[in-house]
Protein backbone atom coordinates (compact mmCIF):
# COMPACT_ATOMS: atom_id res chain seq x y z
CA UNK A 1 10.74 26.09 -0.31
CA UNK A 2 9.98 24.57 -3.66
CA UNK A 3 6.73 25.62 -5.26
CA UNK A 4 5.98 22.00 -6.31
CA UNK A 5 3.46 20.30 -4.07
CA UNK A 6 2.95 16.58 -4.46
CA UNK A 7 -0.61 15.25 -4.28
CA UNK A 8 -0.41 11.84 -2.68
CA UNK A 9 -3.24 9.58 -1.66
CA UNK A 10 -4.48 9.95 1.91
CA UNK A 11 -6.36 6.87 3.00
CA UNK A 12 -7.46 5.22 6.21
CA UNK A 13 -7.59 1.44 6.43
CA UNK A 14 -9.83 0.05 9.18
CA UNK A 15 -10.80 -3.37 10.48
CA UNK A 16 -14.36 -3.90 11.48
CA UNK A 17 -15.97 -6.92 13.10
CA UNK A 18 -19.62 -7.40 12.10
CA UNK A 19 -20.16 -9.84 14.93
CA UNK A 20 -19.31 -10.38 18.63
CA UNK A 21 7.80 -23.10 0.36
CA UNK A 22 10.12 -20.20 -0.01
CA UNK A 23 13.46 -21.64 1.31
CA UNK A 24 14.10 -18.39 3.21
CA UNK A 25 11.07 -18.80 5.46
CA UNK A 26 11.51 -19.20 9.26
CA UNK A 27 8.69 -20.83 11.18
CA UNK A 28 7.87 -20.57 14.88
CA UNK A 29 5.02 -20.08 17.32
CA UNK A 30 4.45 -18.28 20.60
CA UNK A 31 1.42 -18.79 22.77
CA UNK A 32 -0.47 -20.32 19.81
CA UNK A 33 0.52 -17.36 17.60
CA UNK A 34 2.40 -18.66 14.57
CA UNK A 35 5.11 -16.59 12.88
CA UNK A 36 6.65 -16.84 9.44
CA UNK A 37 9.29 -14.57 7.96
CA UNK A 38 9.54 -14.43 4.16
CA UNK A 39 11.61 -12.61 1.53
CA UNK A 40 10.30 -11.11 -1.66
CA UNK A 41 12.10 -11.98 -4.90
CA UNK A 42 15.33 -9.97 -4.97
CA UNK A 43 15.61 -6.63 -6.74
CA UNK A 44 18.75 -4.68 -7.53
CA UNK A 45 19.02 -0.90 -7.22
CA UNK A 46 21.74 1.58 -8.06
CA UNK A 47 21.81 5.33 -7.22
CA UNK A 48 18.62 6.94 -8.50
CA UNK A 49 17.03 3.74 -9.83
CA UNK A 50 13.48 2.53 -9.17
CA UNK A 51 11.83 -0.80 -8.40
CA UNK A 52 8.04 -1.04 -8.90
CA UNK A 53 7.12 -4.63 -9.63
CA UNK A 54 4.26 -6.97 -8.99
CA UNK A 55 5.12 -10.46 -7.66
CA UNK A 56 2.38 -13.05 -7.89
CA UNK A 57 1.97 -16.25 -5.87
CA UNK A 58 4.38 -15.04 -3.16
CA UNK A 59 4.92 -17.15 -0.08
CA UNK A 60 2.14 -16.85 2.47
CA UNK A 61 0.82 -19.01 5.34
CA UNK A 62 -1.56 -21.70 4.19
CA UNK A 63 -4.79 -23.04 5.62
CA UNK A 64 -7.86 -21.59 7.32
CA UNK A 65 -6.28 -19.01 9.55
CA UNK A 66 -6.77 -15.61 11.20
CA UNK A 67 -4.06 -12.98 10.47
CA UNK A 68 -2.82 -11.00 13.46
CA UNK A 69 -0.19 -8.76 11.86
CA UNK A 70 1.84 -8.17 8.72
CA UNK A 71 5.11 -6.18 8.99
CA UNK A 72 7.65 -5.45 6.31
CA UNK A 73 10.96 -3.68 5.68
CA UNK A 74 13.68 -3.46 3.03
CA UNK A 75 16.86 -5.42 3.79
CA UNK A 76 20.14 -6.06 1.95
CA UNK A 77 21.48 -9.48 1.02
CA UNK A 78 23.18 -9.86 4.41
CA UNK A 79 19.86 -9.36 6.16
CA UNK A 80 20.56 -5.90 7.51
CA UNK A 81 17.79 -3.22 7.34
CA UNK A 82 18.46 -0.58 4.70
CA UNK A 83 18.14 3.06 5.92
CA UNK A 84 15.11 4.94 4.54
CA UNK A 85 17.35 7.84 3.42
CA UNK A 86 19.17 5.44 1.13
CA UNK A 87 16.29 3.39 -0.21
CA UNK A 88 12.92 5.12 0.04
CA UNK A 89 10.07 2.67 0.42
CA UNK A 90 7.39 4.50 -1.51
CA UNK A 91 4.82 1.78 -0.84
CA UNK A 92 4.19 -1.95 -0.64
CA UNK A 93 0.81 -3.69 -0.85
CA UNK A 94 -0.36 -7.26 -0.43
CA UNK A 95 -3.46 -8.35 -2.41
CA UNK A 96 -5.36 -11.61 -2.30
CA UNK A 97 -6.70 -13.24 -5.48
CA UNK A 98 -8.02 -16.61 -6.68
CA UNK A 99 -6.58 -18.37 -9.72
CA UNK A 100 -7.80 -21.53 -11.43
CA UNK A 101 -5.74 -24.56 -10.49
CA UNK A 102 -3.08 -25.26 -13.05
CA UNK A 103 -2.86 -21.62 -14.18
CA UNK A 104 0.50 -20.01 -13.34
CA UNK A 105 0.90 -16.26 -12.78
CA UNK A 106 4.30 -15.01 -11.66
CA UNK A 107 4.39 -11.46 -13.02
CA UNK A 108 2.05 -8.75 -14.34
CA UNK A 109 2.63 -9.72 -17.94
CA UNK A 110 1.37 -13.20 -17.19
CA UNK A 111 -1.89 -11.78 -15.72
CA UNK A 112 -2.53 -9.83 -18.92
CA UNK A 113 -2.38 -13.06 -20.90
CA UNK A 114 -4.62 -15.10 -18.60
CA UNK A 115 -8.23 -15.81 -19.57
CA UNK A 116 -10.44 -13.60 -17.47
CA UNK A 117 -12.43 -16.61 -16.27
CA UNK A 118 -9.25 -18.06 -14.71
CA UNK A 119 -8.66 -15.10 -12.33
CA UNK A 120 -10.90 -13.71 -9.59
CA UNK A 121 -10.04 -10.72 -7.40
CA UNK A 122 -10.10 -11.45 -3.71
CA UNK A 123 -9.76 -7.91 -2.43
CA UNK A 124 -10.90 -6.37 0.84
CA UNK A 125 -14.52 -5.57 1.69
CA UNK A 126 -14.58 -2.03 0.24
CA UNK A 127 -15.48 0.64 0.01
CA UNK A 128 -13.46 1.39 -3.14
CA UNK A 129 -14.47 -0.36 -6.34
CA UNK A 130 -12.93 -1.63 -9.62
CA UNK A 131 -9.73 -2.98 -8.03
CA UNK A 132 -8.71 0.41 -6.60
CA UNK A 133 -7.11 0.11 -3.12
CA UNK A 134 -8.07 -3.57 -2.85
CA UNK A 135 -5.12 -4.58 -0.67
CA UNK A 136 -5.32 -6.47 2.62
CA UNK A 137 -2.16 -4.79 3.92
CA UNK A 138 -0.05 -1.90 2.65
CA UNK A 139 2.10 0.95 3.93
CA UNK A 140 5.10 2.97 2.80
CA UNK A 141 7.96 4.92 4.38
CA UNK A 142 6.17 4.78 7.74
CA UNK A 143 6.37 0.99 7.78
CA UNK A 144 8.99 0.57 10.53
CA UNK A 145 7.13 2.76 13.03
CA UNK A 146 3.62 1.56 12.36
CA UNK A 147 2.07 -1.34 14.30
CA UNK A 148 -0.28 -3.69 12.41
CA UNK A 149 -1.18 -5.87 15.38
CA UNK A 150 -4.82 -6.90 15.70
CA UNK A 151 -5.85 -7.44 19.31
CA UNK A 152 -7.47 -10.61 20.63
CA UNK A 153 -9.96 -12.10 20.12
CA UNK A 154 -10.01 -10.70 16.58
CA UNK A 155 -8.31 -11.73 13.37
CA UNK A 156 -8.53 -11.30 9.60
CA UNK A 157 -9.98 -14.57 8.31
CA UNK A 158 -8.35 -16.01 5.13
CA UNK A 159 -8.10 -19.40 3.56
CA UNK A 160 -11.71 -20.33 4.29
CA UNK A 161 -12.45 -23.27 1.99
CA UNK A 162 -16.11 -22.17 1.79
CA UNK A 163 -15.04 -18.84 0.21
CA UNK A 164 -12.63 -20.27 -2.35
CA UNK A 165 -14.43 -20.74 -5.70
CA UNK A 166 -14.63 -24.34 -6.90
CA UNK A 167 -11.57 -25.28 -8.99
CA UNK A 168 -9.58 -22.24 -7.79
CA UNK A 169 -6.88 -21.67 -5.17
CA UNK A 170 -6.12 -18.66 -2.98
CA UNK A 171 -2.88 -16.84 -3.77
CA UNK A 172 -1.25 -13.51 -2.86
CA UNK A 173 0.40 -10.72 -4.87
CA UNK A 174 3.08 -8.35 -3.50
CA UNK A 175 3.81 -4.97 -5.10
CA UNK A 176 7.05 -3.26 -3.96
CA UNK A 177 7.85 0.33 -5.00
CA UNK A 178 11.32 1.43 -3.82
CA UNK A 179 13.53 4.35 -4.89
CA UNK A 180 17.33 4.48 -4.36
CA UNK A 181 18.08 8.03 -3.34
CA UNK A 182 21.87 7.65 -2.79
CA UNK A 183 23.62 10.62 -4.40
CA UNK A 184 20.32 12.09 -5.58
CA UNK A 185 20.51 15.74 -6.69
CA UNK A 186 17.17 16.28 -4.95
CA UNK A 187 16.22 13.48 -2.57
CA UNK A 188 12.84 14.86 -1.71
CA UNK A 189 12.05 15.49 -5.34
CA UNK A 190 13.00 11.87 -6.20
CA UNK A 191 10.67 10.52 -3.50
CA UNK A 192 7.90 12.85 -4.74
CA UNK A 193 8.44 11.44 -8.25
CA UNK A 194 8.92 14.82 -9.91
CA UNK A 195 8.83 14.23 -13.63
CA UNK A 196 11.64 16.68 -14.44
CA UNK A 197 14.07 14.83 -12.17
CA UNK A 198 13.22 11.56 -13.94
CA UNK A 199 13.31 13.14 -17.38
CA UNK A 200 9.98 11.45 -18.13
CA UNK A 201 7.42 12.81 -20.53
CA UNK A 202 5.58 9.54 -21.29
CA UNK A 203 4.09 6.94 -18.94
CA UNK A 204 5.40 3.33 -18.86
CA UNK A 205 3.10 2.41 -21.72
CA UNK A 206 4.47 5.18 -23.97
CA UNK A 207 1.44 7.50 -23.61
CA UNK A 208 2.28 11.22 -23.31
CA UNK A 209 1.69 12.71 -19.89
CA UNK A 210 -0.82 15.48 -19.35
CA UNK A 211 0.78 18.94 -19.70
CA UNK A 212 0.03 19.87 -16.10
CA UNK A 213 1.22 16.56 -14.62
CA UNK A 214 4.32 17.57 -12.67
CA UNK A 215 4.93 14.49 -10.56
CA UNK A 216 3.49 11.20 -9.40
CA UNK A 217 3.48 7.46 -10.08
CA UNK A 218 3.36 8.02 -13.84
CA UNK A 219 6.93 9.39 -13.63
CA UNK A 220 8.65 6.90 -11.31
CA UNK A 221 7.59 3.58 -12.71
CA UNK A 222 9.76 0.48 -12.75
CA UNK A 223 13.32 0.98 -14.09
CA UNK A 224 13.13 4.77 -14.32
CA UNK A 225 16.11 6.81 -13.15
CA UNK A 226 16.10 9.88 -10.89
CA UNK A 227 18.85 12.46 -11.42
CA UNK A 228 21.97 12.02 -9.30
CA UNK A 229 24.84 14.38 -8.57
CA UNK A 230 27.51 14.65 -11.26
CA UNK A 231 30.33 12.21 -10.67
CA UNK A 232 28.56 10.29 -7.85
CA UNK A 233 29.22 6.58 -7.89
CA UNK A 234 28.05 3.74 -5.61
CA UNK A 235 27.61 0.00 -5.99
CA UNK A 236 24.33 -1.55 -7.10
CA UNK A 237 22.74 -3.41 -4.20
CA UNK A 238 20.71 -6.59 -4.03
CA UNK A 239 17.69 -5.94 -1.81
CA UNK A 240 14.57 -7.74 -0.58
CA UNK A 241 11.33 -6.84 1.11
CA UNK A 242 11.32 -8.96 4.29
CA UNK A 243 7.80 -9.51 5.55
CA UNK A 244 6.75 -11.08 8.82
CA UNK A 245 3.31 -12.64 9.12
CA UNK A 246 1.68 -13.62 12.40
CA UNK A 247 -1.52 -15.63 12.61
CA UNK A 248 -3.55 -18.12 14.62
CA UNK A 249 -5.56 -21.08 13.51
CA UNK A 250 -9.17 -20.18 12.83
CA UNK A 251 -11.64 -21.54 15.32
CA UNK A 252 -14.91 -20.60 17.02
CA UNK A 253 -13.09 -18.44 19.56
CA UNK A 254 -11.83 -16.00 16.91
CA UNK A 255 -13.99 -13.09 15.94
CA UNK A 256 -13.38 -12.40 12.22
CA UNK A 257 -12.92 -8.82 11.08
CA UNK A 258 -13.35 -7.26 7.64
CA UNK A 259 -11.05 -4.70 5.97
CA UNK A 260 -12.38 -1.39 4.69
CA UNK A 261 -10.35 1.39 3.12
CA UNK A 262 -11.59 4.96 3.01
CA UNK A 263 -10.09 7.37 0.51
CA UNK A 264 -10.05 11.08 1.34
CA UNK A 265 -10.35 11.92 -2.40
CA UNK A 266 -13.41 9.70 -2.90
CA UNK A 267 -15.98 11.72 -4.87
CA UNK A 268 -18.95 9.85 -3.39
CA UNK A 269 -21.99 12.01 -2.58
CA UNK A 270 -24.92 11.16 -0.33
CA UNK A 271 -28.08 10.43 -2.32
CA UNK A 272 -31.47 8.88 -1.42
CA UNK A 273 -30.22 5.59 -2.98
CA UNK A 274 -26.97 5.51 -0.99
CA UNK A 275 -27.90 2.48 1.04
CA UNK A 276 -25.12 0.04 0.15
CA UNK A 277 -21.50 -0.22 -0.99
CA UNK A 278 -21.72 0.42 -4.72
CA UNK A 279 -19.96 1.82 -7.72
CA UNK A 280 -20.71 5.38 -6.70
CA UNK A 281 -17.38 5.38 -4.87
CA UNK A 282 -14.57 6.75 -7.03
CA UNK A 283 -11.29 6.39 -5.18
CA UNK A 284 -7.95 7.51 -6.49
CA UNK A 285 -4.35 6.37 -6.35
CA UNK A 286 -3.06 10.00 -6.21
CA UNK A 287 -4.41 13.51 -6.51
CA UNK A 288 -3.14 17.05 -7.19
CA UNK A 289 -2.68 19.68 -4.56
CA UNK A 290 -3.11 23.25 -5.71
CA UNK A 291 0.03 25.34 -5.64
CA UNK A 292 0.41 27.59 -2.60
CA UNK A 293 1.13 30.51 -4.93
CA UNK A 294 -2.23 29.99 -6.60
CA UNK A 295 -4.01 30.32 -3.25
CA UNK A 296 -2.34 33.62 -2.43
CA UNK A 297 -0.81 32.25 0.73
CA UNK A 298 2.91 32.14 1.53
CA UNK A 299 4.41 28.69 1.16
CA UNK A 300 5.07 28.42 4.90
CA UNK A 301 1.42 29.01 5.69
CA UNK A 302 -0.16 26.93 2.96
CA UNK A 303 -1.94 23.82 4.28
CA UNK A 304 -4.22 21.83 2.04
CA UNK A 305 -7.03 20.19 4.01
CA UNK A 306 -9.31 17.48 2.68
CA UNK A 307 -12.52 16.31 4.28
CA UNK A 308 -15.10 13.72 3.28
CA UNK A 309 -18.25 12.40 4.91
CA UNK A 310 -19.28 8.84 4.17
CA UNK A 311 -22.20 6.69 5.08
CA UNK A 312 -21.20 3.19 6.17
CA UNK A 313 -24.07 0.79 5.37
CA UNK A 314 -23.36 -1.73 8.11
CA UNK A 315 -22.95 -1.96 11.84
CA UNK A 316 -20.05 -3.27 13.87
CA UNK A 317 -17.08 -2.42 16.01
CA UNK A 318 -13.95 -0.61 14.96
CA UNK A 319 -10.99 -2.79 15.95
CA UNK A 320 -7.97 -1.20 14.26
CA UNK A 321 -7.19 1.66 11.95
CA UNK A 322 -4.17 3.30 10.32
CA UNK A 323 -3.69 6.23 7.91
CA UNK A 324 -1.21 6.37 5.00
CA UNK A 325 0.28 9.63 3.68
CA UNK A 326 3.40 10.73 1.85
CA UNK A 327 5.95 13.50 2.39
CA UNK A 328 4.34 16.73 3.55
CA UNK A 329 1.40 15.08 5.23
CA UNK A 330 0.84 16.44 8.73
CA UNK A 331 -1.84 14.15 10.05
CA UNK A 332 -5.23 12.57 9.47
CA UNK A 333 -8.18 11.52 11.60
CA UNK A 334 -11.39 9.51 11.39
CA UNK A 335 -14.51 10.77 13.21
CA UNK A 336 -17.92 9.35 13.78
CA UNK A 337 -20.98 11.47 12.96
CA UNK A 338 -21.08 13.08 16.43
CA UNK A 339 -17.52 14.33 15.88
CA UNK A 340 -15.97 11.86 18.26
CA UNK A 341 -12.47 11.06 17.13
CA UNK A 342 -11.98 7.36 16.41
CA UNK A 343 -8.49 7.36 14.86
CA UNK A 344 -5.84 10.06 14.87
CA UNK A 345 -2.54 9.60 13.00
CA UNK A 346 0.38 12.00 13.38
CA UNK A 347 3.44 12.05 11.15
CA UNK A 348 7.05 12.59 12.21
CA UNK A 349 9.94 13.57 9.99
CA UNK A 350 13.72 13.38 10.38
CA UNK A 351 15.92 15.93 8.60
CA UNK A 352 18.86 14.17 6.90
């Protein structure tokens, strides 16, 4: 077993109720539930290559609605699902934002040029701050086996005219991070974004990596290349993220829920002033796991366990929850203070 241990984010996203044009779209409805199927902009991958781009103003249902589910998968240009062992879906996230009418943002570079007063984040309800983990939906390699359905009579309220700032419009951003592992010399290492396999010593902005940084997002950014077996050849493929959105029209019979994301690496500590969601929360995108060798345990018996206790400064009912982990994760759970398990997520692996 390799001594390298990836440190990936472990997070739990929950829904809480605080009270009782793209030409490829297909529209339909079933028992007042509307359905739309969209495609992301196309991306092309060859063996070992990486896609990690941010697409702004993507197609999304309009109007004052309540979202019921958001499911996604990678497909080829004929519409067939692409096997995970060929194209590893590291993650995808969907983020809401508001942009001043008349201002166009289609890619990340456009956002950097926009006046700050023309763009407003429309992220989830917390508890992370400063734009960290602000997505409404997001998963990774577990996408195809994870349900995102929100039971009746609940729904995620979006498109409320009363919440859209004057002169602005609600839009959505989609980030897709996919790695083509066909012919990879070390498939697991490629999906773990090991820096040596990508021959990366600087991040995507040209800044040198920390000496102890062995792997992570800083090494598998957009258009990087993971090492493939000598002589391996395969065609470059045109791919899409196909996402299916289900929703109902918002009315008085729908109980709106809010989205909260808890990060297991959050460094928040309970203090006398910890009475509200505030900037004390310091969530992370990834973290380092100490080497098994450093712990004095054999690799087969080394399990890194993280725990965190958080105060939630509001009441309500837990409607839905899901945990996200990467390779090596064995499970995660959310408990209430009396140690009653509320959510338990178990992870399954297929050897290929």
